[in-house]
Amino acid sequence: MKFFIDTADLAAIREIKAMGMCDGVTTNPSLMAKAGRKDTDALLKEICAVVQGPVSGEVTALDTDGMVAEGKRLAALDKHIVVKVPTTYEGLKAMAELAGAGIAVNATLVFSVNQALLVAKAGAAYVSPFVGRLDDVGEDGMQLIADIVEVYDNYGYETEVIVASVRHPMHVVDSALLGAHIATIPPEVIRKLVAHPLTDKGLAAFMADWEKLQGGGK
């Protein structure tokens, strides 16, 4: 299973990359704004230089022609750029055109199996179902992942499933159990994946015993 980091924070990306946990990055306009960088193209290039893997940059146009033009511009920034396109009627047309031009597309804002099936047929390289947002409205986000994985397996679609809107460690665990290809994870959730109170307790006990061995307990 691949881990993408859901952020535009370069420092966080470098830190997680150093742990060997960063196979790619996903960004969006909200994350770019949070990073406080107005030169978004330059930021995407910097992220690509660090990650050397798929980096999703999102279009902001709403019409097909605008999405295609923006997608081609983004793709020209770096060979690692993946163009994020919203799963709308206009977006599906843009996905097909971009994919036909050899540009990797990440179909974003997916909330149903129908949408996931359509984007795979349109040629998207990745599909991003938003599990956390479904959970927020009382739906079962992880069931959607299970259904998409099953449908893709049924027909041999090559579109990779990116579990998005990850809110807590169990989203990651469940994604792995269901066979999702990728989880895109905020830095704060990556840190939570590492933590366990018994690890902390055990380490404290080991260090206390080590201090005694060194004479620190006399």
N, C-alpha and C. Protein backbone atom coordinates (compact mmCIF):
# COMPACT_ATOMS: atom_id res chain seq x y z
N MET A 1 0.85 -1.20 0.00
CA MET A 1 0.00 0.00 0.00
C MET A 1 0.88 1.25 0.00
N LYS A 2 0.50 2.20 -0.84
CA LYS A 2 1.28 3.44 -0.92
C LYS A 2 0.66 4.50 -0.03
N PHE A 3 1.54 5.32 0.55
CA PHE A 3 1.12 6.47 1.35
C PHE A 3 1.40 7.74 0.56
N PHE A 4 0.36 8.50 0.26
CA PHE A 4 0.53 9.86 -0.22
C PHE A 4 0.30 10.78 0.97
N ILE A 5 0.90 11.96 0.95
CA ILE A 5 0.73 12.91 2.04
C ILE A 5 -0.19 14.03 1.54
N ASP A 6 -1.24 14.26 2.31
CA ASP A 6 -2.26 15.23 1.91
C ASP A 6 -1.93 16.58 2.54
N THR A 7 -1.09 17.34 1.86
CA THR A 7 -0.63 18.62 2.39
C THR A 7 0.08 19.40 1.30
N ALA A 8 0.28 20.69 1.55
CA ALA A 8 1.15 21.50 0.70
C ALA A 8 2.29 22.08 1.55
N ASP A 9 2.47 21.54 2.75
CA ASP A 9 3.49 22.00 3.69
C ASP A 9 4.81 21.30 3.38
N LEU A 10 5.76 22.03 2.80
CA LEU A 10 7.03 21.44 2.39
C LEU A 10 7.81 20.84 3.55
N ALA A 11 7.79 21.51 4.69
CA ALA A 11 8.54 21.00 5.85
C ALA A 11 7.99 19.64 6.28
N ALA A 12 6.66 19.53 6.32
CA ALA A 12 6.04 18.25 6.71
C ALA A 12 6.35 17.17 5.68
N ILE A 13 6.33 17.54 4.40
CA ILE A 13 6.64 16.57 3.35
C ILE A 13 8.07 16.06 3.50
N ARG A 14 9.01 16.96 3.73
CA ARG A 14 10.41 16.55 3.89
C ARG A 14 10.57 15.63 5.10
N GLU A 15 9.91 15.97 6.19
CA GLU A 15 10.01 15.16 7.41
C GLU A 15 9.48 13.74 7.18
N ILE A 16 8.32 13.63 6.55
CA ILE A 16 7.72 12.31 6.34
C ILE A 16 8.46 11.55 5.25
N LYS A 17 8.99 12.25 4.26
CA LYS A 17 9.81 11.62 3.23
C LYS A 17 11.04 10.98 3.87
N ALA A 18 11.64 11.65 4.85
CA ALA A 18 12.82 11.12 5.53
C ALA A 18 12.52 9.83 6.29
N MET A 19 11.25 9.63 6.66
CA MET A 19 10.82 8.40 7.33
C MET A 19 10.57 7.26 6.34
N GLY A 20 10.60 7.57 5.05
CA GLY A 20 10.30 6.57 4.04
C GLY A 20 8.82 6.32 3.87
N MET A 21 8.00 7.29 4.29
CA MET A 21 6.55 7.10 4.28
C MET A 21 5.82 7.94 3.23
N CYS A 22 6.56 8.55 2.32
CA CYS A 22 5.94 9.46 1.36
C CYS A 22 6.16 8.96 -0.06
N ASP A 23 5.13 8.31 -0.62
CA ASP A 23 5.22 7.83 -2.00
C ASP A 23 4.70 8.86 -3.00
N GLY A 24 4.00 9.86 -2.50
CA GLY A 24 3.43 10.89 -3.35
C GLY A 24 2.76 11.94 -2.48
N VAL A 25 2.18 12.95 -3.11
CA VAL A 25 1.53 14.05 -2.40
C VAL A 25 0.25 14.42 -3.12
N THR A 26 -0.78 14.76 -2.36
CA THR A 26 -1.98 15.34 -2.94
C THR A 26 -2.16 16.74 -2.36
N THR A 27 -2.53 17.66 -3.23
CA THR A 27 -2.82 19.02 -2.79
C THR A 27 -4.17 19.44 -3.37
N ASN A 28 -4.65 20.56 -2.90
CA ASN A 28 -5.87 21.17 -3.45
C ASN A 28 -5.82 22.65 -3.12
N PRO A 29 -6.73 23.45 -3.65
CA PRO A 29 -6.68 24.89 -3.37
C PRO A 29 -6.71 25.23 -1.88
N SER A 30 -7.47 24.48 -1.09
CA SER A 30 -7.54 24.75 0.35
C SER A 30 -6.19 24.52 1.02
N LEU A 31 -5.51 23.43 0.66
CA LEU A 31 -4.20 23.14 1.25
C LEU A 31 -3.15 24.15 0.80
N MET A 32 -3.25 24.60 -0.45
CA MET A 32 -2.33 25.63 -0.93
C MET A 32 -2.51 26.93 -0.15
N ALA A 33 -3.78 27.28 0.09
CA ALA A 33 -4.06 28.50 0.86
C ALA A 33 -3.51 28.37 2.28
N LYS A 34 -3.67 27.19 2.86
CA LYS A 34 -3.18 26.95 4.22
C LYS A 34 -1.67 27.08 4.30
N ALA A 35 -0.99 26.69 3.21
CA ALA A 35 0.47 26.79 3.17
C ALA A 35 0.95 28.23 3.03
N GLY A 36 0.02 29.14 2.68
CA GLY A 36 0.36 30.55 2.60
C GLY A 36 1.21 30.92 1.41
N ARG A 37 1.15 30.11 0.34
CA ARG A 37 1.95 30.38 -0.86
C ARG A 37 1.03 30.77 -2.01
N LYS A 38 1.25 31.98 -2.55
CA LYS A 38 0.46 32.41 -3.70
C LYS A 38 1.05 31.92 -5.01
N ASP A 39 2.36 31.62 -4.99
CA ASP A 39 3.05 31.12 -6.19
C ASP A 39 2.87 29.60 -6.26
N THR A 40 1.65 29.18 -6.52
CA THR A 40 1.30 27.76 -6.41
C THR A 40 2.06 26.89 -7.41
N ASP A 41 2.31 27.39 -8.60
CA ASP A 41 3.08 26.60 -9.58
C ASP A 41 4.48 26.33 -9.06
N ALA A 42 5.11 27.35 -8.51
CA ALA A 42 6.46 27.18 -7.95
C ALA A 42 6.44 26.19 -6.80
N LEU A 43 5.40 26.26 -5.96
CA LEU A 43 5.29 25.33 -4.84
C LEU A 43 5.15 23.89 -5.33
N LEU A 44 4.33 23.67 -6.36
CA LEU A 44 4.17 22.33 -6.90
C LEU A 44 5.52 21.79 -7.42
N LYS A 45 6.29 22.64 -8.08
CA LYS A 45 7.61 22.23 -8.58
C LYS A 45 8.52 21.84 -7.42
N GLU A 46 8.48 22.61 -6.34
CA GLU A 46 9.31 22.31 -5.17
C GLU A 46 8.90 20.99 -4.54
N ILE A 47 7.61 20.75 -4.46
CA ILE A 47 7.12 19.48 -3.90
C ILE A 47 7.58 18.32 -4.77
N CYS A 48 7.47 18.46 -6.08
CA CYS A 48 7.91 17.40 -6.99
C CYS A 48 9.40 17.09 -6.82
N ALA A 49 10.19 18.13 -6.61
CA ALA A 49 11.64 17.93 -6.44
C ALA A 49 11.95 17.13 -5.20
N VAL A 50 11.15 17.31 -4.16
CA VAL A 50 11.35 16.57 -2.90
C VAL A 50 10.85 15.14 -3.01
N VAL A 51 9.66 14.98 -3.55
CA VAL A 51 8.97 13.69 -3.50
C VAL A 51 9.45 12.73 -4.58
N GLN A 52 9.68 13.23 -5.79
CA GLN A 52 10.05 12.37 -6.91
C GLN A 52 9.03 11.24 -7.12
N GLY A 53 7.76 11.58 -6.93
CA GLY A 53 6.66 10.65 -7.11
C GLY A 53 5.43 11.44 -7.50
N PRO A 54 4.28 10.79 -7.64
CA PRO A 54 3.07 11.50 -8.08
C PRO A 54 2.70 12.65 -7.15
N VAL A 55 2.47 13.82 -7.72
CA VAL A 55 2.06 15.00 -6.97
C VAL A 55 0.81 15.56 -7.64
N SER A 56 -0.31 15.53 -6.95
CA SER A 56 -1.57 15.98 -7.52
C SER A 56 -1.77 17.48 -7.31
N GLY A 57 -1.96 18.18 -8.42
CA GLY A 57 -2.32 19.59 -8.40
C GLY A 57 -3.70 19.74 -9.01
N GLU A 58 -4.56 20.53 -8.40
CA GLU A 58 -5.97 20.56 -8.79
C GLU A 58 -6.30 21.74 -9.69
N VAL A 59 -7.13 21.49 -10.70
CA VAL A 59 -7.63 22.57 -11.55
C VAL A 59 -8.69 23.36 -10.78
N THR A 60 -8.85 24.61 -11.16
CA THR A 60 -9.87 25.45 -10.52
C THR A 60 -10.97 25.87 -11.49
N ALA A 61 -10.78 25.61 -12.77
CA ALA A 61 -11.83 25.89 -13.75
C ALA A 61 -13.00 24.94 -13.54
N LEU A 62 -14.17 25.34 -13.99
CA LEU A 62 -15.37 24.51 -13.83
C LEU A 62 -15.89 23.98 -15.16
N ASP A 63 -15.44 24.55 -16.27
CA ASP A 63 -15.88 24.09 -17.59
C ASP A 63 -14.82 23.20 -18.22
N THR A 64 -15.25 22.36 -19.16
CA THR A 64 -14.33 21.38 -19.74
C THR A 64 -13.12 22.03 -20.38
N ASP A 65 -13.34 23.02 -21.22
CA ASP A 65 -12.21 23.65 -21.92
C ASP A 65 -11.23 24.27 -20.92
N GLY A 66 -11.78 24.92 -19.89
CA GLY A 66 -10.92 25.52 -18.89
C GLY A 66 -10.13 24.48 -18.11
N MET A 67 -10.78 23.38 -17.77
CA MET A 67 -10.09 22.30 -17.05
C MET A 67 -8.98 21.69 -17.89
N VAL A 68 -9.26 21.48 -19.16
CA VAL A 68 -8.25 20.89 -20.05
C VAL A 68 -7.06 21.82 -20.20
N ALA A 69 -7.32 23.10 -20.42
CA ALA A 69 -6.22 24.05 -20.58
C ALA A 69 -5.39 24.13 -19.31
N GLU A 70 -6.07 24.20 -18.16
CA GLU A 70 -5.34 24.29 -16.89
C GLU A 70 -4.61 22.99 -16.60
N GLY A 71 -5.24 21.86 -16.92
CA GLY A 71 -4.60 20.57 -16.70
C GLY A 71 -3.33 20.42 -17.51
N LYS A 72 -3.37 20.86 -18.76
CA LYS A 72 -2.17 20.77 -19.60
C LYS A 72 -1.06 21.68 -19.08
N ARG A 73 -1.46 22.85 -18.58
CA ARG A 73 -0.46 23.76 -18.02
C ARG A 73 0.19 23.15 -16.78
N LEU A 74 -0.63 22.57 -15.90
CA LEU A 74 -0.10 21.95 -14.69
C LEU A 74 0.82 20.78 -15.04
N ALA A 75 0.39 19.94 -15.98
CA ALA A 75 1.18 18.77 -16.35
C ALA A 75 2.54 19.16 -16.92
N ALA A 76 2.61 20.33 -17.54
CA ALA A 76 3.87 20.78 -18.13
C ALA A 76 4.87 21.26 -17.08
N LEU A 77 4.41 21.46 -15.85
CA LEU A 77 5.31 21.95 -14.80
C LEU A 77 6.39 20.94 -14.43
N ASP A 78 6.00 19.65 -14.39
CA ASP A 78 6.92 18.60 -13.95
C ASP A 78 6.35 17.25 -14.38
N LYS A 79 7.22 16.32 -14.67
CA LYS A 79 6.76 15.00 -15.13
C LYS A 79 6.01 14.23 -14.05
N HIS A 80 6.14 14.65 -12.78
CA HIS A 80 5.46 13.94 -11.69
C HIS A 80 4.06 14.48 -11.40
N ILE A 81 3.68 15.55 -12.06
CA ILE A 81 2.37 16.15 -11.78
C ILE A 81 1.23 15.25 -12.25
N VAL A 82 0.25 15.07 -11.36
CA VAL A 82 -1.01 14.42 -11.68
C VAL A 82 -2.08 15.50 -11.57
N VAL A 83 -2.96 15.58 -12.55
CA VAL A 83 -3.96 16.64 -12.58
C VAL A 83 -5.23 16.18 -11.88
N LYS A 84 -5.60 16.88 -10.81
CA LYS A 84 -6.84 16.58 -10.10
C LYS A 84 -7.99 17.31 -10.78
N VAL A 85 -9.02 16.53 -11.11
CA VAL A 85 -10.19 17.07 -11.80
C VAL A 85 -11.43 16.65 -11.01
N PRO A 86 -12.35 17.57 -10.74
CA PRO A 86 -13.55 17.21 -10.00
C PRO A 86 -14.46 16.29 -10.82
N THR A 87 -15.15 15.40 -10.12
CA THR A 87 -16.01 14.43 -10.79
C THR A 87 -17.38 15.05 -11.04
N THR A 88 -17.43 15.85 -12.08
CA THR A 88 -18.66 16.47 -12.55
C THR A 88 -18.85 16.07 -14.01
N TYR A 89 -19.98 16.45 -14.60
CA TYR A 89 -20.21 16.15 -16.01
C TYR A 89 -19.13 16.79 -16.87
N GLU A 90 -18.85 18.07 -16.61
CA GLU A 90 -17.80 18.76 -17.34
C GLU A 90 -16.44 18.13 -17.05
N GLY A 91 -16.25 17.73 -15.78
CA GLY A 91 -14.98 17.13 -15.39
C GLY A 91 -14.71 15.81 -16.09
N LEU A 92 -15.76 14.99 -16.27
CA LEU A 92 -15.58 13.72 -16.96
C LEU A 92 -15.09 13.93 -18.39
N LYS A 93 -15.64 14.92 -19.05
CA LYS A 93 -15.18 15.21 -20.42
C LYS A 93 -13.71 15.65 -20.41
N ALA A 94 -13.36 16.46 -19.42
CA ALA A 94 -11.97 16.91 -19.30
C ALA A 94 -11.04 15.74 -18.99
N MET A 95 -11.49 14.84 -18.12
CA MET A 95 -10.67 13.66 -17.78
C MET A 95 -10.36 12.85 -19.03
N ALA A 96 -11.38 12.60 -19.83
CA ALA A 96 -11.19 11.80 -21.04
C ALA A 96 -10.20 12.47 -21.99
N GLU A 97 -10.31 13.79 -22.14
CA GLU A 97 -9.42 14.49 -23.06
C GLU A 97 -7.99 14.51 -22.53
N LEU A 98 -7.84 14.78 -21.24
CA LEU A 98 -6.50 14.81 -20.66
C LEU A 98 -5.85 13.43 -20.69
N ALA A 99 -6.62 12.41 -20.31
CA ALA A 99 -6.09 11.04 -20.33
C ALA A 99 -5.71 10.64 -21.75
N GLY A 100 -6.52 11.06 -22.72
CA GLY A 100 -6.23 10.77 -24.12
C GLY A 100 -4.95 11.42 -24.60
N ALA A 101 -4.57 12.53 -23.92
CA ALA A 101 -3.33 13.23 -24.27
C ALA A 101 -2.14 12.69 -23.48
N GLY A 102 -2.36 11.62 -22.73
CA GLY A 102 -1.27 11.00 -21.97
C GLY A 102 -0.99 11.65 -20.63
N ILE A 103 -1.93 12.44 -20.12
CA ILE A 103 -1.76 13.12 -18.84
C ILE A 103 -2.47 12.34 -17.74
N ALA A 104 -1.75 12.07 -16.66
CA ALA A 104 -2.33 11.32 -15.54
C ALA A 104 -3.35 12.19 -14.82
N VAL A 105 -4.53 11.62 -14.57
CA VAL A 105 -5.63 12.35 -13.94
C VAL A 105 -6.01 11.68 -12.62
N ASN A 106 -6.24 12.50 -11.62
CA ASN A 106 -6.77 12.06 -10.33
C ASN A 106 -8.20 12.59 -10.24
N ALA A 107 -9.19 11.70 -10.33
CA ALA A 107 -10.60 12.11 -10.24
C ALA A 107 -10.94 12.34 -8.77
N THR A 108 -11.22 13.58 -8.42
CA THR A 108 -11.42 13.94 -7.02
C THR A 108 -12.90 14.19 -6.71
N LEU A 109 -13.19 14.29 -5.42
CA LEU A 109 -14.55 14.53 -4.94
C LEU A 109 -15.51 13.43 -5.40
N VAL A 110 -15.08 12.19 -5.18
CA VAL A 110 -15.90 11.03 -5.53
C VAL A 110 -16.62 10.54 -4.27
N PHE A 111 -17.93 10.33 -4.41
CA PHE A 111 -18.75 9.94 -3.26
C PHE A 111 -19.68 8.76 -3.56
N SER A 112 -19.54 8.15 -4.74
CA SER A 112 -20.41 7.02 -5.07
C SER A 112 -19.69 6.04 -5.98
N VAL A 113 -20.19 4.80 -6.01
CA VAL A 113 -19.63 3.80 -6.91
C VAL A 113 -19.89 4.20 -8.36
N ASN A 114 -21.05 4.77 -8.63
CA ASN A 114 -21.35 5.23 -9.99
C ASN A 114 -20.27 6.18 -10.49
N GLN A 115 -19.91 7.16 -9.65
CA GLN A 115 -18.88 8.12 -10.04
C GLN A 115 -17.55 7.41 -10.28
N ALA A 116 -17.21 6.48 -9.40
CA ALA A 116 -15.94 5.76 -9.53
C ALA A 116 -15.90 4.95 -10.82
N LEU A 117 -17.01 4.35 -11.19
CA LEU A 117 -17.07 3.58 -12.43
C LEU A 117 -16.88 4.50 -13.63
N LEU A 118 -17.54 5.65 -13.60
CA LEU A 118 -17.44 6.59 -14.72
C LEU A 118 -16.02 7.11 -14.91
N VAL A 119 -15.35 7.46 -13.82
CA VAL A 119 -14.00 8.03 -13.98
C VAL A 119 -13.01 6.99 -14.47
N ALA A 120 -13.22 5.72 -14.08
CA ALA A 120 -12.36 4.66 -14.59
C ALA A 120 -12.55 4.52 -16.10
N LYS A 121 -13.79 4.57 -16.54
CA LYS A 121 -14.08 4.48 -17.98
C LYS A 121 -13.55 5.69 -18.74
N ALA A 122 -13.48 6.84 -18.06
CA ALA A 122 -12.95 8.05 -18.70
C ALA A 122 -11.43 8.04 -18.78
N GLY A 123 -10.79 7.07 -18.11
CA GLY A 123 -9.35 6.94 -18.21
C GLY A 123 -8.55 7.53 -17.08
N ALA A 124 -9.21 7.88 -15.97
CA ALA A 124 -8.48 8.45 -14.84
C ALA A 124 -7.46 7.44 -14.30
N ALA A 125 -6.27 7.93 -13.98
CA ALA A 125 -5.24 7.07 -13.39
C ALA A 125 -5.54 6.77 -11.93
N TYR A 126 -6.21 7.72 -11.26
CA TYR A 126 -6.53 7.58 -9.84
C TYR A 126 -7.96 8.04 -9.59
N VAL A 127 -8.59 7.43 -8.60
CA VAL A 127 -9.89 7.88 -8.11
C VAL A 127 -9.76 8.18 -6.63
N SER A 128 -10.33 9.31 -6.20
CA SER A 128 -10.21 9.73 -4.80
C SER A 128 -11.57 9.79 -4.12
N PRO A 129 -12.03 8.68 -3.52
CA PRO A 129 -13.25 8.71 -2.71
C PRO A 129 -12.95 9.36 -1.36
N PHE A 130 -13.85 10.26 -0.92
CA PHE A 130 -13.63 11.03 0.31
C PHE A 130 -14.37 10.37 1.47
N VAL A 131 -13.69 9.49 2.19
CA VAL A 131 -14.36 8.70 3.22
C VAL A 131 -14.77 9.53 4.44
N GLY A 132 -13.92 10.46 4.85
CA GLY A 132 -14.23 11.26 6.03
C GLY A 132 -15.46 12.12 5.85
N ARG A 133 -15.60 12.69 4.68
CA ARG A 133 -16.77 13.55 4.43
C ARG A 133 -18.06 12.73 4.37
N LEU A 134 -17.97 11.49 3.88
CA LEU A 134 -19.14 10.62 3.92
C LEU A 134 -19.50 10.26 5.36
N ASP A 135 -18.49 9.94 6.16
CA ASP A 135 -18.74 9.65 7.57
C ASP A 135 -19.41 10.83 8.27
N ASP A 136 -19.01 12.04 7.88
CA ASP A 136 -19.56 13.25 8.51
C ASP A 136 -21.07 13.38 8.31
N VAL A 137 -21.58 12.84 7.21
CA VAL A 137 -23.02 12.96 6.93
C VAL A 137 -23.76 11.65 7.21
N GLY A 138 -23.12 10.77 7.97
CA GLY A 138 -23.80 9.55 8.41
C GLY A 138 -23.74 8.39 7.44
N GLU A 139 -22.93 8.50 6.39
CA GLU A 139 -22.75 7.39 5.47
C GLU A 139 -21.48 6.63 5.82
N ASP A 140 -21.33 5.43 5.27
CA ASP A 140 -20.19 4.57 5.57
C ASP A 140 -19.13 4.73 4.49
N GLY A 141 -18.13 5.58 4.79
CA GLY A 141 -17.08 5.85 3.82
C GLY A 141 -16.30 4.62 3.42
N MET A 142 -16.01 3.75 4.39
CA MET A 142 -15.19 2.58 4.08
C MET A 142 -15.95 1.55 3.25
N GLN A 143 -17.27 1.52 3.40
CA GLN A 143 -18.05 0.62 2.53
C GLN A 143 -17.92 1.04 1.08
N LEU A 144 -17.86 2.35 0.85
CA LEU A 144 -17.65 2.83 -0.51
C LEU A 144 -16.32 2.32 -1.06
N ILE A 145 -15.28 2.34 -0.24
CA ILE A 145 -13.98 1.84 -0.69
C ILE A 145 -14.08 0.37 -1.06
N ALA A 146 -14.72 -0.40 -0.20
CA ALA A 146 -14.88 -1.83 -0.47
C ALA A 146 -15.60 -2.06 -1.80
N ASP A 147 -16.66 -1.29 -2.04
CA ASP A 147 -17.45 -1.47 -3.26
C ASP A 147 -16.64 -1.08 -4.50
N ILE A 148 -15.89 0.02 -4.41
CA ILE A 148 -15.10 0.45 -5.57
C ILE A 148 -14.01 -0.57 -5.89
N VAL A 149 -13.32 -1.04 -4.86
CA VAL A 149 -12.28 -2.05 -5.07
C VAL A 149 -12.87 -3.29 -5.74
N GLU A 150 -14.04 -3.72 -5.29
CA GLU A 150 -14.67 -4.90 -5.88
C GLU A 150 -15.04 -4.67 -7.34
N VAL A 151 -15.64 -3.53 -7.63
CA VAL A 151 -16.02 -3.23 -9.02
C VAL A 151 -14.80 -3.17 -9.93
N TYR A 152 -13.76 -2.50 -9.48
CA TYR A 152 -12.55 -2.40 -10.30
C TYR A 152 -11.92 -3.77 -10.52
N ASP A 153 -11.92 -4.60 -9.47
CA ASP A 153 -11.38 -5.96 -9.62
C ASP A 153 -12.23 -6.78 -10.59
N ASN A 154 -13.54 -6.59 -10.55
CA ASN A 154 -14.43 -7.34 -11.43
C ASN A 154 -14.09 -7.14 -12.90
N TYR A 155 -13.70 -5.92 -13.25
CA TYR A 155 -13.52 -5.58 -14.66
C TYR A 155 -12.07 -5.26 -15.04
N GLY A 156 -11.17 -5.40 -14.08
CA GLY A 156 -9.76 -5.20 -14.39
C GLY A 156 -9.37 -3.77 -14.69
N TYR A 157 -10.11 -2.81 -14.12
CA TYR A 157 -9.73 -1.41 -14.32
C TYR A 157 -8.38 -1.14 -13.68
N GLU A 158 -7.57 -0.35 -14.35
CA GLU A 158 -6.23 -0.03 -13.84
C GLU A 158 -6.22 1.22 -12.97
N THR A 159 -7.34 1.90 -12.87
CA THR A 159 -7.43 3.09 -12.02
C THR A 159 -7.13 2.71 -10.57
N GLU A 160 -6.20 3.44 -9.95
CA GLU A 160 -5.83 3.15 -8.57
C GLU A 160 -6.72 3.92 -7.60
N VAL A 161 -7.09 3.25 -6.51
CA VAL A 161 -7.97 3.85 -5.51
C VAL A 161 -7.13 4.58 -4.47
N ILE A 162 -7.35 5.89 -4.37
CA ILE A 162 -6.72 6.71 -3.33
C ILE A 162 -7.78 7.01 -2.27
N VAL A 163 -7.62 6.46 -1.09
CA VAL A 163 -8.57 6.77 -0.01
C VAL A 163 -8.25 8.17 0.50
N ALA A 164 -9.21 9.09 0.33
CA ALA A 164 -9.00 10.50 0.66
C ALA A 164 -9.89 10.92 1.82
N SER A 165 -9.64 12.13 2.32
CA SER A 165 -10.37 12.64 3.49
C SER A 165 -10.19 11.70 4.67
N VAL A 166 -8.95 11.26 4.85
CA VAL A 166 -8.60 10.38 5.97
C VAL A 166 -8.54 11.21 7.26
N ARG A 167 -9.28 10.77 8.27
CA ARG A 167 -9.40 11.56 9.49
C ARG A 167 -8.68 10.95 10.69
N HIS A 168 -8.45 9.63 10.66
CA HIS A 168 -7.88 8.96 11.84
C HIS A 168 -7.20 7.65 11.42
N PRO A 169 -6.39 7.06 12.29
CA PRO A 169 -5.64 5.86 11.92
C PRO A 169 -6.49 4.69 11.43
N MET A 170 -7.70 4.50 11.96
CA MET A 170 -8.51 3.36 11.53
C MET A 170 -8.92 3.48 10.06
N HIS A 171 -9.03 4.69 9.55
CA HIS A 171 -9.28 4.83 8.12
C HIS A 171 -8.14 4.19 7.33
N VAL A 172 -6.92 4.37 7.80
CA VAL A 172 -5.75 3.79 7.11
C VAL A 172 -5.77 2.27 7.23
N VAL A 173 -6.01 1.77 8.43
CA VAL A 173 -6.05 0.32 8.65
C VAL A 173 -7.14 -0.32 7.78
N ASP A 174 -8.32 0.25 7.81
CA ASP A 174 -9.43 -0.31 7.03
C ASP A 174 -9.13 -0.26 5.53
N SER A 175 -8.48 0.80 5.09
CA SER A 175 -8.13 0.92 3.68
C SER A 175 -7.18 -0.21 3.27
N ALA A 176 -6.22 -0.49 4.11
CA ALA A 176 -5.26 -1.57 3.82
C ALA A 176 -5.96 -2.92 3.81
N LEU A 177 -6.85 -3.15 4.76
CA LEU A 177 -7.56 -4.42 4.83
C LEU A 177 -8.45 -4.64 3.60
N LEU A 178 -8.98 -3.54 3.05
CA LEU A 178 -9.87 -3.64 1.91
C LEU A 178 -9.14 -3.70 0.58
N GLY A 179 -7.83 -3.51 0.61
CA GLY A 179 -7.05 -3.62 -0.61
C GLY A 179 -6.96 -2.35 -1.43
N ALA A 180 -7.22 -1.19 -0.82
CA ALA A 180 -7.04 0.07 -1.54
C ALA A 180 -5.56 0.23 -1.89
N HIS A 181 -5.31 0.82 -3.04
CA HIS A 181 -3.92 0.95 -3.50
C HIS A 181 -3.15 1.99 -2.70
N ILE A 182 -3.85 3.07 -2.31
CA ILE A 182 -3.19 4.24 -1.73
C ILE A 182 -4.10 4.85 -0.67
N ALA A 183 -3.50 5.39 0.37
CA ALA A 183 -4.22 6.30 1.27
C ALA A 183 -3.47 7.62 1.25
N THR A 184 -4.21 8.72 1.09
CA THR A 184 -3.55 10.03 1.18
C THR A 184 -3.86 10.59 2.55
N ILE A 185 -2.81 10.83 3.31
CA ILE A 185 -2.92 10.99 4.76
C ILE A 185 -2.35 12.33 5.20
N PRO A 186 -3.10 13.10 5.99
CA PRO A 186 -2.55 14.35 6.54
C PRO A 186 -1.37 14.04 7.47
N PRO A 187 -0.41 14.96 7.57
CA PRO A 187 0.75 14.72 8.43
C PRO A 187 0.38 14.38 9.87
N GLU A 188 -0.67 15.02 10.41
CA GLU A 188 -1.02 14.74 11.80
C GLU A 188 -1.52 13.32 12.00
N VAL A 189 -2.13 12.74 10.98
CA VAL A 189 -2.58 11.34 11.09
C VAL A 189 -1.40 10.39 10.94
N ILE A 190 -0.42 10.74 10.11
CA ILE A 190 0.80 9.94 10.03
C ILE A 190 1.44 9.82 11.41
N ARG A 191 1.49 10.93 12.14
CA ARG A 191 2.09 10.90 13.48
C ARG A 191 1.27 10.01 14.43
N LYS A 192 -0.05 10.03 14.27
CA LYS A 192 -0.90 9.19 15.12
C LYS A 192 -0.71 7.71 14.81
N LEU A 193 -0.38 7.38 13.56
CA LEU A 193 -0.16 5.99 13.21
C LEU A 193 1.00 5.39 13.99
N VAL A 194 1.98 6.22 14.29
CA VAL A 194 3.17 5.76 15.00
C VAL A 194 2.89 5.51 16.48
N ALA A 195 2.01 6.31 17.05
CA ALA A 195 1.86 6.36 18.51
C ALA A 195 1.05 5.18 19.05
N HIS A 196 1.51 4.66 20.19
CA HIS A 196 0.74 3.68 20.96
C HIS A 196 1.19 3.80 22.42
N PRO A 197 0.24 3.89 23.36
CA PRO A 197 0.63 4.08 24.76
C PRO A 197 1.50 2.96 25.32
N LEU A 198 1.33 1.74 24.84
CA LEU A 198 2.15 0.64 25.34
C LEU A 198 3.59 0.74 24.84
N THR A 199 3.77 1.33 23.64
CA THR A 199 5.13 1.58 23.16
C THR A 199 5.82 2.58 24.09
N ASP A 200 5.11 3.67 24.42
CA ASP A 200 5.68 4.68 25.32
C ASP A 200 5.97 4.10 26.70
N LYS A 201 5.03 3.30 27.20
CA LYS A 201 5.22 2.69 28.52
C LYS A 201 6.40 1.73 28.53
N GLY A 202 6.48 0.92 27.48
CA GLY A 202 7.58 -0.04 27.39
C GLY A 202 8.92 0.65 27.28
N LEU A 203 9.00 1.70 26.47
CA LEU A 203 10.25 2.42 26.31
C LEU A 203 10.68 3.07 27.61
N ALA A 204 9.71 3.65 28.33
CA ALA A 204 10.03 4.27 29.63
C ALA A 204 10.59 3.23 30.60
N ALA A 205 10.01 2.03 30.61
CA ALA A 205 10.50 0.97 31.51
C ALA A 205 11.90 0.53 31.11
N PHE A 206 12.14 0.37 29.81
CA PHE A 206 13.46 -0.04 29.34
C PHE A 206 14.52 1.00 29.71
N MET A 207 14.18 2.27 29.53
CA MET A 207 15.14 3.33 29.84
C MET A 207 15.41 3.42 31.33
N ALA A 208 14.37 3.20 32.15
CA ALA A 208 14.57 3.20 33.61
C ALA A 208 15.50 2.08 34.02
N ASP A 209 15.33 0.90 33.43
CA ASP A 209 16.21 -0.24 33.76
C ASP A 209 17.63 0.03 33.27
N TRP A 210 17.75 0.68 32.11
CA TRP A 210 19.07 1.01 31.59
C TRP A 210 19.80 1.98 32.53
N GLU A 211 19.06 2.96 33.04
CA GLU A 211 19.65 3.91 34.00
C GLU A 211 20.16 3.18 35.24
N LYS A 212 19.40 2.20 35.70
CA LYS A 212 19.83 1.43 36.87
C LYS A 212 21.13 0.67 36.58
N LEU A 213 21.19 0.08 35.38
CA LEU A 213 22.40 -0.65 34.99
C LEU A 213 23.62 0.26 34.94
N GLN A 214 23.38 1.51 34.55
CA GLN A 214 24.48 2.46 34.45
C GLN A 214 24.82 3.13 35.78
N GLY A 215 24.10 2.73 36.83
CA GLY A 215 24.36 3.31 38.15
C GLY A 215 23.53 4.52 38.47
N GLY A 216 22.61 4.87 37.56
CA GLY A 216 21.80 6.05 37.79
C GLY A 216 20.75 5.85 38.86
N GLY A 217 20.50 4.58 39.25
CA GLY A 217 19.46 4.33 40.23
C GLY A 217 20.00 4.20 41.63
N LYS A 218 21.30 4.40 41.85
CA LYS A 218 21.88 4.29 43.19
C LYS A 218 21.58 5.53 44.03
